[in-house]
Structures are given as C-alpha cells and as structure tokens.
mmCIF file of all heavy atoms, coordinates in Angstrom:
data_MODEL
# 
_entry.id   MODEL 
# 
loop_
_atom_site.group_PDB 
_atom_site.id 
_atom_site.type_symbol 
_atom_site.label_atom_id 
_atom_site.label_alt_id 
_atom_site.label_comp_id 
_atom_site.label_asym_id 
_atom_site.label_entity_id 
_atom_site.label_seq_id 
_atom_site.pdbx_PDB_ins_code 
_atom_site.Cartn_x 
_atom_site.Cartn_y 
_atom_site.Cartn_z 
_atom_site.occupancy 
_atom_site.B_iso_or_equiv 
_atom_site.pdbx_formal_charge 
_atom_site.auth_seq_id 
_atom_site.auth_comp_id 
_atom_site.auth_asym_id 
_atom_site.auth_atom_id 
_atom_site.pdbx_PDB_model_num 
ATOM 1   N N   . GLY A 1 1  ? 0.789   -1.224 -0.025 1.00 0.00 ? 1  GLY A N   1 
ATOM 2   C CA  . GLY A 1 1  ? -0.007  -0.009 -0.027 1.00 0.00 ? 1  GLY A CA  1 
ATOM 3   C C   . GLY A 1 1  ? 0.956   1.273  -0.077 1.00 0.00 ? 1  GLY A C   1 
ATOM 4   O O   . GLY A 1 1  ? 1.719   1.447  0.873  1.00 0.00 ? 1  GLY A O   1 
ATOM 5   N N   . ARG A 1 2  ? 0.696   2.173  -0.847 1.00 0.00 ? 2  ARG A N   1 
ATOM 6   C CA  . ARG A 1 2  ? 1.432   3.329  -1.056 1.00 0.00 ? 2  ARG A CA  1 
ATOM 7   C C   . ARG A 1 2  ? 0.627   4.540  -0.672 1.00 0.00 ? 2  ARG A C   1 
ATOM 8   O O   . ARG A 1 2  ? -0.601  4.432  -0.862 1.00 0.00 ? 2  ARG A O   1 
ATOM 9   C CB  . ARG A 1 2  ? 1.965   3.557  -2.474 1.00 0.00 ? 2  ARG A CB  1 
ATOM 10  C CG  . ARG A 1 2  ? 2.962   2.490  -2.866 1.00 0.00 ? 2  ARG A CG  1 
ATOM 11  C CD  . ARG A 1 2  ? 4.362   2.553  -2.059 1.00 0.00 ? 2  ARG A CD  1 
ATOM 12  N NE  . ARG A 1 2  ? 5.276   1.394  -2.458 1.00 0.00 ? 2  ARG A NE  1 
ATOM 13  C CZ  . ARG A 1 2  ? 6.103   0.963  -1.637 1.00 0.00 ? 2  ARG A CZ  1 
ATOM 14  N NH1 . ARG A 1 2  ? 6.298   1.491  -0.439 1.00 0.00 ? 2  ARG A NH1 1 
ATOM 15  N NH2 . ARG A 1 2  ? 6.947   0.000  -1.948 1.00 0.00 ? 2  ARG A NH2 1 
ATOM 16  N N   . SER A 1 3  ? 1.195   5.652  -0.299 1.00 0.00 ? 3  SER A N   1 
ATOM 17  C CA  . SER A 1 3  ? 0.437   6.802  0.011  1.00 0.00 ? 3  SER A CA  1 
ATOM 18  C C   . SER A 1 3  ? -0.027  7.368  -1.226 1.00 0.00 ? 3  SER A C   1 
ATOM 19  O O   . SER A 1 3  ? 0.679   7.564  -2.281 1.00 0.00 ? 3  SER A O   1 
ATOM 20  C CB  . SER A 1 3  ? 1.384   7.807  0.768  1.00 0.00 ? 3  SER A CB  1 
ATOM 21  O OG  . SER A 1 3  ? 0.785   9.110  0.834  1.00 0.00 ? 3  SER A OG  1 
ATOM 22  N N   . THR A 1 4  ? -1.329  7.853  -1.192 1.00 0.00 ? 4  THR A N   1 
ATOM 23  C CA  . THR A 1 4  ? -1.967  8.446  -2.318 1.00 0.00 ? 4  THR A CA  1 
ATOM 24  C C   . THR A 1 4  ? -1.656  9.992  -2.352 1.00 0.00 ? 4  THR A C   1 
ATOM 25  O O   . THR A 1 4  ? -2.050  10.658 -3.399 1.00 0.00 ? 4  THR A O   1 
ATOM 26  C CB  . THR A 1 4  ? -3.389  8.298  -2.423 1.00 0.00 ? 4  THR A CB  1 
ATOM 27  O OG1 . THR A 1 4  ? -3.976  8.696  -1.204 1.00 0.00 ? 4  THR A OG1 1 
ATOM 28  C CG2 . THR A 1 4  ? -3.732  6.781  -2.542 1.00 0.00 ? 4  THR A CG2 1 
ATOM 29  N N   . SER A 1 5  ? -1.061  10.536 -1.411 1.00 0.00 ? 5  SER A N   1 
ATOM 30  C CA  . SER A 1 5  ? -0.893  12.019 -1.334 1.00 0.00 ? 5  SER A CA  1 
ATOM 31  C C   . SER A 1 5  ? 0.408   12.384 -2.114 1.00 0.00 ? 5  SER A C   1 
ATOM 32  O O   . SER A 1 5  ? 0.700   13.610 -2.296 1.00 0.00 ? 5  SER A O   1 
ATOM 33  C CB  . SER A 1 5  ? -0.564  12.313 0.244  1.00 0.00 ? 5  SER A CB  1 
ATOM 34  O OG  . SER A 1 5  ? 0.581   11.704 0.681  1.00 0.00 ? 5  SER A OG  1 
ATOM 35  N N   . GLY A 1 6  ? 1.129   11.481 -2.672 1.00 0.00 ? 6  GLY A N   1 
ATOM 36  C CA  . GLY A 1 6  ? 2.273   11.751 -3.562 1.00 0.00 ? 6  GLY A CA  1 
ATOM 37  C C   . GLY A 1 6  ? 3.433   12.314 -2.772 1.00 0.00 ? 6  GLY A C   1 
ATOM 38  O O   . GLY A 1 6  ? 4.194   13.125 -3.232 1.00 0.00 ? 6  GLY A O   1 
ATOM 39  N N   . GLY A 1 7  ? 3.548   11.941 -1.545 1.00 0.00 ? 7  GLY A N   1 
ATOM 40  C CA  . GLY A 1 7  ? 4.535   12.419 -0.615 1.00 0.00 ? 7  GLY A CA  1 
ATOM 41  C C   . GLY A 1 7  ? 5.905   11.657 -0.814 1.00 0.00 ? 7  GLY A C   1 
ATOM 42  O O   . GLY A 1 7  ? 6.333   11.200 0.335  1.00 0.00 ? 7  GLY A O   1 
ATOM 43  N N   . GLY A 1 8  ? 6.287   11.309 -1.910 1.00 0.00 ? 8  GLY A N   1 
ATOM 44  C CA  . GLY A 1 8  ? 7.516   10.617 -2.099 1.00 0.00 ? 8  GLY A CA  1 
ATOM 45  C C   . GLY A 1 8  ? 7.420   9.195  -1.957 1.00 0.00 ? 8  GLY A C   1 
ATOM 46  O O   . GLY A 1 8  ? 8.382   8.466  -1.771 1.00 0.00 ? 8  GLY A O   1 
ATOM 47  N N   . GLY A 1 9  ? 6.257   8.526  -2.040 1.00 0.00 ? 9  GLY A N   1 
ATOM 48  C CA  . GLY A 1 9  ? 6.106   7.022  -2.009 1.00 0.00 ? 9  GLY A CA  1 
ATOM 49  C C   . GLY A 1 9  ? 6.283   6.479  -0.723 1.00 0.00 ? 9  GLY A C   1 
ATOM 50  O O   . GLY A 1 9  ? 6.845   5.435  -0.606 1.00 0.00 ? 9  GLY A O   1 
ATOM 51  N N   . GLU A 1 10 ? 5.898   7.076  0.353  1.00 0.00 ? 10 GLU A N   1 
ATOM 52  C CA  . GLU A 1 10 ? 6.030   6.563  1.691  1.00 0.00 ? 10 GLU A CA  1 
ATOM 53  C C   . GLU A 1 10 ? 5.169   5.433  1.809  1.00 0.00 ? 10 GLU A C   1 
ATOM 54  O O   . GLU A 1 10 ? 4.093   5.191  1.275  1.00 0.00 ? 10 GLU A O   1 
ATOM 55  C CB  . GLU A 1 10 ? 5.609   7.527  2.819  1.00 0.00 ? 10 GLU A CB  1 
ATOM 56  C CG  . GLU A 1 10 ? 6.640   8.656  3.076  1.00 0.00 ? 10 GLU A CG  1 
ATOM 57  C CD  . GLU A 1 10 ? 6.202   9.478  4.278  1.00 0.00 ? 10 GLU A CD  1 
ATOM 58  O OE1 . GLU A 1 10 ? 5.498   8.985  5.109  1.00 0.00 ? 10 GLU A OE1 1 
ATOM 59  O OE2 . GLU A 1 10 ? 6.689   10.558 4.321  1.00 0.00 ? 10 GLU A OE2 1 
ATOM 60  N N   . PRO A 1 11 ? 5.487   4.304  2.642  1.00 0.00 ? 11 PRO A N   1 
ATOM 61  C CA  . PRO A 1 11 ? 4.691   3.182  2.810  1.00 0.00 ? 11 PRO A CA  1 
ATOM 62  C C   . PRO A 1 11 ? 3.416   3.686  3.569  1.00 0.00 ? 11 PRO A C   1 
ATOM 63  O O   . PRO A 1 11 ? 3.500   4.523  4.324  1.00 0.00 ? 11 PRO A O   1 
ATOM 64  C CB  . PRO A 1 11 ? 5.509   2.165  3.674  1.00 0.00 ? 11 PRO A CB  1 
ATOM 65  C CG  . PRO A 1 11 ? 6.868   2.731  3.635  1.00 0.00 ? 11 PRO A CG  1 
ATOM 66  C CD  . PRO A 1 11 ? 6.937   4.175  3.198  1.00 0.00 ? 11 PRO A CD  1 
ATOM 67  N N   . ALA A 1 12 ? 2.414   2.952  3.361  1.00 0.00 ? 12 ALA A N   1 
ATOM 68  C CA  . ALA A 1 12 ? 1.083   3.273  3.967  1.00 0.00 ? 12 ALA A CA  1 
ATOM 69  C C   . ALA A 1 12 ? 0.944   2.829  5.397  1.00 0.00 ? 12 ALA A C   1 
ATOM 70  O O   . ALA A 1 12 ? 0.001   3.036  6.007  1.00 0.00 ? 12 ALA A O   1 
ATOM 71  C CB  . ALA A 1 12 ? -0.016  2.651  3.155  1.00 0.00 ? 12 ALA A CB  1 
ATOM 72  N N   . ALA A 1 13 ? 2.137   2.116  5.885  1.00 0.00 ? 13 ALA A N   1 
ATOM 73  C CA  . ALA A 1 13 ? 2.044   1.515  7.182  1.00 0.00 ? 13 ALA A CA  1 
ATOM 74  C C   . ALA A 1 13 ? 1.869   2.666  8.237  1.00 0.00 ? 13 ALA A C   1 
ATOM 75  O O   . ALA A 1 13 ? 1.258   2.525  9.244  1.00 0.00 ? 13 ALA A O   1 
ATOM 76  C CB  . ALA A 1 13 ? 3.317   0.755  7.496  1.00 0.00 ? 13 ALA A CB  1 
ATOM 77  N N   . ARG A 1 14 ? 2.471   3.798  7.899  1.00 0.00 ? 14 ARG A N   1 
ATOM 78  C CA  . ARG A 1 14 ? 2.208   4.970  8.860  1.00 0.00 ? 14 ARG A CA  1 
ATOM 79  C C   . ARG A 1 14 ? 0.917   5.560  8.828  1.00 0.00 ? 14 ARG A C   1 
ATOM 80  O O   . ARG A 1 14 ? 0.440   6.285  9.731  1.00 0.00 ? 14 ARG A O   1 
ATOM 81  C CB  . ARG A 1 14 ? 3.312   6.089  8.526  1.00 0.00 ? 14 ARG A CB  1 
ATOM 82  C CG  . ARG A 1 14 ? 4.757   5.625  8.776  1.00 0.00 ? 14 ARG A CG  1 
ATOM 83  C CD  . ARG A 1 14 ? 5.538   6.717  8.372  1.00 0.00 ? 14 ARG A CD  1 
ATOM 84  N NE  . ARG A 1 14 ? 7.041   6.189  8.515  1.00 0.00 ? 14 ARG A NE  1 
ATOM 85  C CZ  . ARG A 1 14 ? 8.103   6.914  8.137  1.00 0.00 ? 14 ARG A CZ  1 
ATOM 86  N NH1 . ARG A 1 14 ? 7.952   8.138  7.538  1.00 0.00 ? 14 ARG A NH1 1 
ATOM 87  N NH2 . ARG A 1 14 ? 9.221   6.346  8.188  1.00 0.00 ? 14 ARG A NH2 1 
ATOM 88  N N   . GLU A 1 15 ? 0.194   5.360  7.865  1.00 0.00 ? 15 GLU A N   1 
ATOM 89  C CA  . GLU A 1 15 ? -1.129  5.864  7.545  1.00 0.00 ? 15 GLU A CA  1 
ATOM 90  C C   . GLU A 1 15 ? -2.229  4.973  8.135  1.00 0.00 ? 15 GLU A C   1 
ATOM 91  O O   . GLU A 1 15 ? -3.539  5.340  8.065  1.00 0.00 ? 15 GLU A O   1 
ATOM 92  C CB  . GLU A 1 15 ? -1.412  6.238  6.167  1.00 0.00 ? 15 GLU A CB  1 
ATOM 93  C CG  . GLU A 1 15 ? -0.448  7.405  5.725  1.00 0.00 ? 15 GLU A CG  1 
ATOM 94  C CD  . GLU A 1 15 ? -0.696  7.753  4.322  1.00 0.00 ? 15 GLU A CD  1 
ATOM 95  O OE1 . GLU A 1 15 ? -1.734  7.361  3.809  1.00 0.00 ? 15 GLU A OE1 1 
ATOM 96  O OE2 . GLU A 1 15 ? 0.195   8.375  3.701  1.00 0.00 ? 15 GLU A OE2 1 
ATOM 97  N N   . TRP A 1 16 ? -2.009  3.730  8.523  1.00 0.00 ? 16 TRP A N   1 
ATOM 98  C CA  . TRP A 1 16 ? -3.014  2.674  8.914  1.00 0.00 ? 16 TRP A CA  1 
ATOM 99  C C   . TRP A 1 16 ? -2.732  2.476  10.429 1.00 0.00 ? 16 TRP A C   1 
ATOM 100 O O   . TRP A 1 16 ? -1.661  2.406  10.906 1.00 0.00 ? 16 TRP A O   1 
ATOM 101 C CB  . TRP A 1 16 ? -2.893  1.521  8.170  1.00 0.00 ? 16 TRP A CB  1 
ATOM 102 C CG  . TRP A 1 16 ? -3.296  1.772  6.645  1.00 0.00 ? 16 TRP A CG  1 
ATOM 103 C CD1 . TRP A 1 16 ? -2.445  2.046  5.708  1.00 0.00 ? 16 TRP A CD1 1 
ATOM 104 C CD2 . TRP A 1 16 ? -4.565  1.743  6.125  1.00 0.00 ? 16 TRP A CD2 1 
ATOM 105 N NE1 . TRP A 1 16 ? -3.156  2.181  4.560  1.00 0.00 ? 16 TRP A NE1 1 
ATOM 106 C CE2 . TRP A 1 16 ? -4.482  2.052  4.726  1.00 0.00 ? 16 TRP A CE2 1 
ATOM 107 C CE3 . TRP A 1 16 ? -5.865  1.433  6.552  1.00 0.00 ? 16 TRP A CE3 1 
ATOM 108 C CZ2 . TRP A 1 16 ? -5.579  2.143  3.966  1.00 0.00 ? 16 TRP A CZ2 1 
ATOM 109 C CZ3 . TRP A 1 16 ? -6.940  1.479  5.822  1.00 0.00 ? 16 TRP A CZ3 1 
ATOM 110 C CH2 . TRP A 1 16 ? -6.703  1.868  4.353  1.00 0.00 ? 16 TRP A CH2 1 
ATOM 111 N N   . GLU A 1 17 ? -3.856  2.187  11.122 1.00 0.00 ? 17 GLU A N   1 
ATOM 112 C CA  . GLU A 1 17 ? -3.816  1.688  12.455 1.00 0.00 ? 17 GLU A CA  1 
ATOM 113 C C   . GLU A 1 17 ? -4.717  0.567  12.673 1.00 0.00 ? 17 GLU A C   1 
ATOM 114 O O   . GLU A 1 17 ? -5.773  0.455  12.128 1.00 0.00 ? 17 GLU A O   1 
ATOM 115 C CB  . GLU A 1 17 ? -3.992  2.835  13.433 1.00 0.00 ? 17 GLU A CB  1 
ATOM 116 C CG  . GLU A 1 17 ? -5.393  3.344  13.491 1.00 0.00 ? 17 GLU A CG  1 
ATOM 117 C CD  . GLU A 1 17 ? -5.592  4.488  14.463 1.00 0.00 ? 17 GLU A CD  1 
ATOM 118 O OE1 . GLU A 1 17 ? -5.064  4.358  15.639 1.00 0.00 ? 17 GLU A OE1 1 
ATOM 119 O OE2 . GLU A 1 17 ? -6.371  5.406  14.115 1.00 0.00 ? 17 GLU A OE2 1 
ATOM 120 N N   . LEU A 1 18 ? -4.364  -0.263 13.737 1.00 0.00 ? 18 LEU A N   1 
ATOM 121 C CA  . LEU A 1 18 ? -5.264  -1.446 14.072 1.00 0.00 ? 18 LEU A CA  1 
ATOM 122 C C   . LEU A 1 18 ? -5.923  -1.074 15.279 1.00 0.00 ? 18 LEU A C   1 
ATOM 123 O O   . LEU A 1 18 ? -5.365  -0.830 16.390 1.00 0.00 ? 18 LEU A O   1 
ATOM 124 C CB  . LEU A 1 18 ? -4.304  -2.661 14.279 1.00 0.00 ? 18 LEU A CB  1 
ATOM 125 C CG  . LEU A 1 18 ? -5.092  -3.938 14.501 1.00 0.00 ? 18 LEU A CG  1 
ATOM 126 C CD1 . LEU A 1 18 ? -5.875  -4.367 13.337 1.00 0.00 ? 18 LEU A CD1 1 
ATOM 127 C CD2 . LEU A 1 18 ? -3.975  -5.019 14.912 1.00 0.00 ? 18 LEU A CD2 1 
ATOM 128 N N   . ARG A 1 19 ? -7.304  -1.017 15.154 1.00 0.00 ? 19 ARG A N   1 
ATOM 129 C CA  . ARG A 1 19 ? -8.093  -0.627 16.441 1.00 0.00 ? 19 ARG A CA  1 
ATOM 130 C C   . ARG A 1 19 ? -8.248  -1.900 17.257 1.00 0.00 ? 19 ARG A C   1 
ATOM 131 O O   . ARG A 1 19 ? -8.050  -3.039 16.916 1.00 0.00 ? 19 ARG A O   1 
ATOM 132 C CB  . ARG A 1 19 ? -9.563  -0.214 15.913 1.00 0.00 ? 19 ARG A CB  1 
ATOM 133 C CG  . ARG A 1 19 ? -9.556  1.062  15.077 1.00 0.00 ? 19 ARG A CG  1 
ATOM 134 C CD  . ARG A 1 19 ? -9.779  2.217  16.092 1.00 0.00 ? 19 ARG A CD  1 
ATOM 135 N NE  . ARG A 1 19 ? -9.442  3.457  15.466 1.00 0.00 ? 19 ARG A NE  1 
ATOM 136 C CZ  . ARG A 1 19 ? -10.502 4.211  14.917 1.00 0.00 ? 19 ARG A CZ  1 
ATOM 137 N NH1 . ARG A 1 19 ? -11.684 3.925  14.948 1.00 0.00 ? 19 ARG A NH1 1 
ATOM 138 N NH2 . ARG A 1 19 ? -10.253 5.380  14.378 1.00 0.00 ? 19 ARG A NH2 1 
ATOM 139 N N   . PRO A 1 20 ? -8.535  -1.505 18.552 1.00 0.00 ? 20 PRO A N   1 
ATOM 140 C CA  . PRO A 1 20 ? -8.674  -2.746 19.555 1.00 0.00 ? 20 PRO A CA  1 
ATOM 141 C C   . PRO A 1 20 ? -9.661  -3.866 19.051 1.00 0.00 ? 20 PRO A C   1 
ATOM 142 O O   . PRO A 1 20 ? -9.403  -4.988 19.333 1.00 0.00 ? 20 PRO A O   1 
ATOM 143 C CB  . PRO A 1 20 ? -9.248  -2.052 20.833 1.00 0.00 ? 20 PRO A CB  1 
ATOM 144 C CG  . PRO A 1 20 ? -8.866  -0.610 20.739 1.00 0.00 ? 20 PRO A CG  1 
ATOM 145 C CD  . PRO A 1 20 ? -8.756  -0.301 19.187 1.00 0.00 ? 20 PRO A CD  1 
ATOM 146 N N   . GLY A 1 21 ? -10.658 -3.540 18.258 1.00 0.00 ? 21 GLY A N   1 
ATOM 147 C CA  . GLY A 1 21 ? -11.561 -4.567 17.838 1.00 0.00 ? 21 GLY A CA  1 
ATOM 148 C C   . GLY A 1 21 ? -11.080 -5.357 16.602 1.00 0.00 ? 21 GLY A C   1 
ATOM 149 O O   . GLY A 1 21 ? -11.635 -6.353 16.243 1.00 0.00 ? 21 GLY A O   1 
ATOM 150 N N   . GLY A 1 22 ? -9.772  -5.090 16.157 1.00 0.00 ? 22 GLY A N   1 
ATOM 151 C CA  . GLY A 1 22 ? -9.279  -5.865 15.092 1.00 0.00 ? 22 GLY A CA  1 
ATOM 152 C C   . GLY A 1 22 ? -9.367  -5.186 13.799 1.00 0.00 ? 22 GLY A C   1 
ATOM 153 O O   . GLY A 1 22 ? -9.078  -5.679 12.707 1.00 0.00 ? 22 GLY A O   1 
ATOM 154 N N   . MET A 1 23 ? -10.126 -3.936 13.752 1.00 0.00 ? 23 MET A N   1 
ATOM 155 C CA  . MET A 1 23 ? -10.374 -3.275 12.557 1.00 0.00 ? 23 MET A CA  1 
ATOM 156 C C   . MET A 1 23 ? -9.163  -2.488 12.043 1.00 0.00 ? 23 MET A C   1 
ATOM 157 O O   . MET A 1 23 ? -8.613  -1.787 12.924 1.00 0.00 ? 23 MET A O   1 
ATOM 158 C CB  . MET A 1 23 ? -11.565 -2.512 12.585 1.00 0.00 ? 23 MET A CB  1 
ATOM 159 C CG  . MET A 1 23 ? -12.069 -1.839 11.265 1.00 0.00 ? 23 MET A CG  1 
ATOM 160 S SD  . MET A 1 23 ? -13.534 -0.837 11.526 1.00 0.00 ? 23 MET A SD  1 
ATOM 161 C CE  . MET A 1 23 ? -14.755 -1.979 11.984 1.00 0.00 ? 23 MET A CE  1 
ATOM 162 N N   . LEU A 1 24 ? -8.893  -2.605 10.745 1.00 0.00 ? 24 LEU A N   1 
ATOM 163 C CA  . LEU A 1 24 ? -7.667  -1.844 10.209 1.00 0.00 ? 24 LEU A CA  1 
ATOM 164 C C   . LEU A 1 24 ? -8.296  -0.617 9.633  1.00 0.00 ? 24 LEU A C   1 
ATOM 165 O O   . LEU A 1 24 ? -9.101  -0.689 8.674  1.00 0.00 ? 24 LEU A O   1 
ATOM 166 C CB  . LEU A 1 24 ? -6.936  -2.746 9.213  1.00 0.00 ? 24 LEU A CB  1 
ATOM 167 C CG  . LEU A 1 24 ? -5.708  -2.156 8.616  1.00 0.00 ? 24 LEU A CG  1 
ATOM 168 C CD1 . LEU A 1 24 ? -4.626  -2.008 9.709  1.00 0.00 ? 24 LEU A CD1 1 
ATOM 169 C CD2 . LEU A 1 24 ? -5.191  -3.000 7.575  1.00 0.00 ? 24 LEU A CD2 1 
ATOM 170 N N   . VAL A 1 25 ? -7.905  0.448  10.080 1.00 0.00 ? 25 VAL A N   1 
ATOM 171 C CA  . VAL A 1 25 ? -8.450  1.828  9.643  1.00 0.00 ? 25 VAL A CA  1 
ATOM 172 C C   . VAL A 1 25 ? -7.327  2.815  9.311  1.00 0.00 ? 25 VAL A C   1 
ATOM 173 O O   . VAL A 1 25 ? -6.242  2.606  9.888  1.00 0.00 ? 25 VAL A O   1 
ATOM 174 C CB  . VAL A 1 25 ? -9.430  2.443  10.647 1.00 0.00 ? 25 VAL A CB  1 
ATOM 175 C CG1 . VAL A 1 25 ? -10.616 1.564  10.927 1.00 0.00 ? 25 VAL A CG1 1 
ATOM 176 C CG2 . VAL A 1 25 ? -8.723  2.692  11.996 1.00 0.00 ? 25 VAL A CG2 1 
ATOM 177 N N   . GLN A 1 26 ? -7.594  3.858  8.453  1.00 0.00 ? 26 GLN A N   1 
ATOM 178 C CA  . GLN A 1 26 ? -6.747  4.833  8.168  1.00 0.00 ? 26 GLN A CA  1 
ATOM 179 C C   . GLN A 1 26 ? -6.571  5.764  9.290  1.00 0.00 ? 26 GLN A C   1 
ATOM 180 O O   . GLN A 1 26 ? -7.579  6.156  9.968  1.00 0.00 ? 26 GLN A O   1 
ATOM 181 C CB  . GLN A 1 26 ? -7.071  5.504  6.831  1.00 0.00 ? 26 GLN A CB  1 
ATOM 182 C CG  . GLN A 1 26 ? -6.111  6.411  6.369  1.00 0.00 ? 26 GLN A CG  1 
ATOM 183 C CD  . GLN A 1 26 ? -6.473  7.006  5.017  1.00 0.00 ? 26 GLN A CD  1 
ATOM 184 O OE1 . GLN A 1 26 ? -7.693  6.945  4.578  1.00 0.00 ? 26 GLN A OE1 1 
ATOM 185 N NE2 . GLN A 1 26 ? -5.624  7.743  4.355  1.00 0.00 ? 26 GLN A NE2 1 
ATOM 186 N N   . LYS A 1 27 ? -5.391  6.200  9.658  1.00 0.00 ? 27 LYS A N   1 
ATOM 187 C CA  . LYS A 1 27 ? -5.116  7.165  10.665 1.00 0.00 ? 27 LYS A CA  1 
ATOM 188 C C   . LYS A 1 27 ? -5.684  8.447  10.283 1.00 0.00 ? 27 LYS A C   1 
ATOM 189 O O   . LYS A 1 27 ? -5.642  8.865  9.165  1.00 0.00 ? 27 LYS A O   1 
ATOM 190 C CB  . LYS A 1 27 ? -3.717  7.239  11.125 1.00 0.00 ? 27 LYS A CB  1 
ATOM 191 C CG  . LYS A 1 27 ? -3.134  6.045  11.851 1.00 0.00 ? 27 LYS A CG  1 
ATOM 192 C CD  . LYS A 1 27 ? -1.732  6.465  12.340 1.00 0.00 ? 27 LYS A CD  1 
ATOM 193 C CE  . LYS A 1 27 ? -1.070  5.406  13.192 1.00 0.00 ? 27 LYS A CE  1 
ATOM 194 N NZ  . LYS A 1 27 ? 0.321   5.600  13.572 1.00 0.00 ? 27 LYS A NZ  1 
ATOM 195 N N   . ARG A 1 28 ? -6.288  9.295  11.359 1.00 0.00 ? 28 ARG A N   1 
ATOM 196 C CA  . ARG A 1 28 ? -6.880  10.567 11.052 1.00 0.00 ? 28 ARG A CA  1 
ATOM 197 C C   . ARG A 1 28 ? -5.646  11.501 11.454 1.00 0.00 ? 28 ARG A C   1 
ATOM 198 O O   . ARG A 1 28 ? -4.998  11.431 12.298 1.00 0.00 ? 28 ARG A O   1 
ATOM 199 C CB  . ARG A 1 28 ? -8.053  10.707 11.904 1.00 0.00 ? 28 ARG A CB  1 
ATOM 200 C CG  . ARG A 1 28 ? -9.125  9.725  11.517 1.00 0.00 ? 28 ARG A CG  1 
ATOM 201 C CD  . ARG A 1 28 ? -10.362 10.237 12.205 1.00 0.00 ? 28 ARG A CD  1 
ATOM 202 N NE  . ARG A 1 28 ? -10.865 11.406 11.462 1.00 0.00 ? 28 ARG A NE  1 
ATOM 203 C CZ  . ARG A 1 28 ? -11.840 12.110 11.903 1.00 0.00 ? 28 ARG A CZ  1 
ATOM 204 N NH1 . ARG A 1 28 ? -12.498 11.854 13.018 1.00 0.00 ? 28 ARG A NH1 1 
ATOM 205 N NH2 . ARG A 1 28 ? -12.292 13.262 11.215 1.00 0.00 ? 28 ARG A NH2 1 
ATOM 206 N N   . ASN A 1 29 ? -5.656  12.536 10.535 1.00 0.00 ? 29 ASN A N   1 
ATOM 207 C CA  . ASN A 1 29 ? -4.741  13.683 10.778 1.00 0.00 ? 29 ASN A CA  1 
ATOM 208 C C   . ASN A 1 29 ? -5.515  14.689 11.691 1.00 0.00 ? 29 ASN A C   1 
ATOM 209 O O   . ASN A 1 29 ? -6.585  15.196 11.125 1.00 0.00 ? 29 ASN A O   1 
ATOM 210 C CB  . ASN A 1 29 ? -4.238  14.341 9.462  1.00 0.00 ? 29 ASN A CB  1 
ATOM 211 C CG  . ASN A 1 29 ? -3.194  15.296 9.716  1.00 0.00 ? 29 ASN A CG  1 
ATOM 212 O OD1 . ASN A 1 29 ? -2.881  15.643 10.811 1.00 0.00 ? 29 ASN A OD1 1 
ATOM 213 N ND2 . ASN A 1 29 ? -2.693  15.906 8.611  1.00 0.00 ? 29 ASN A ND2 1 
# 
C-alpha cells in the first residue's frame, strides 16, 4: 500500500492503524 498523497512514495504503514476490535483503519490527521 502506497500513500496516495504523492509524498515521495512513503509506505502506507504509517497511515494505517489497528483498532482494539481488530479493524484496520486509516489514521486521522
């Protein structure tokens, strides 16, 4: 998963988080 913001192709791992219920969601800025 790559960032869609065009910020140099950073991995999307920084933009996703795992919630306590096990749901994978995008981090909010």
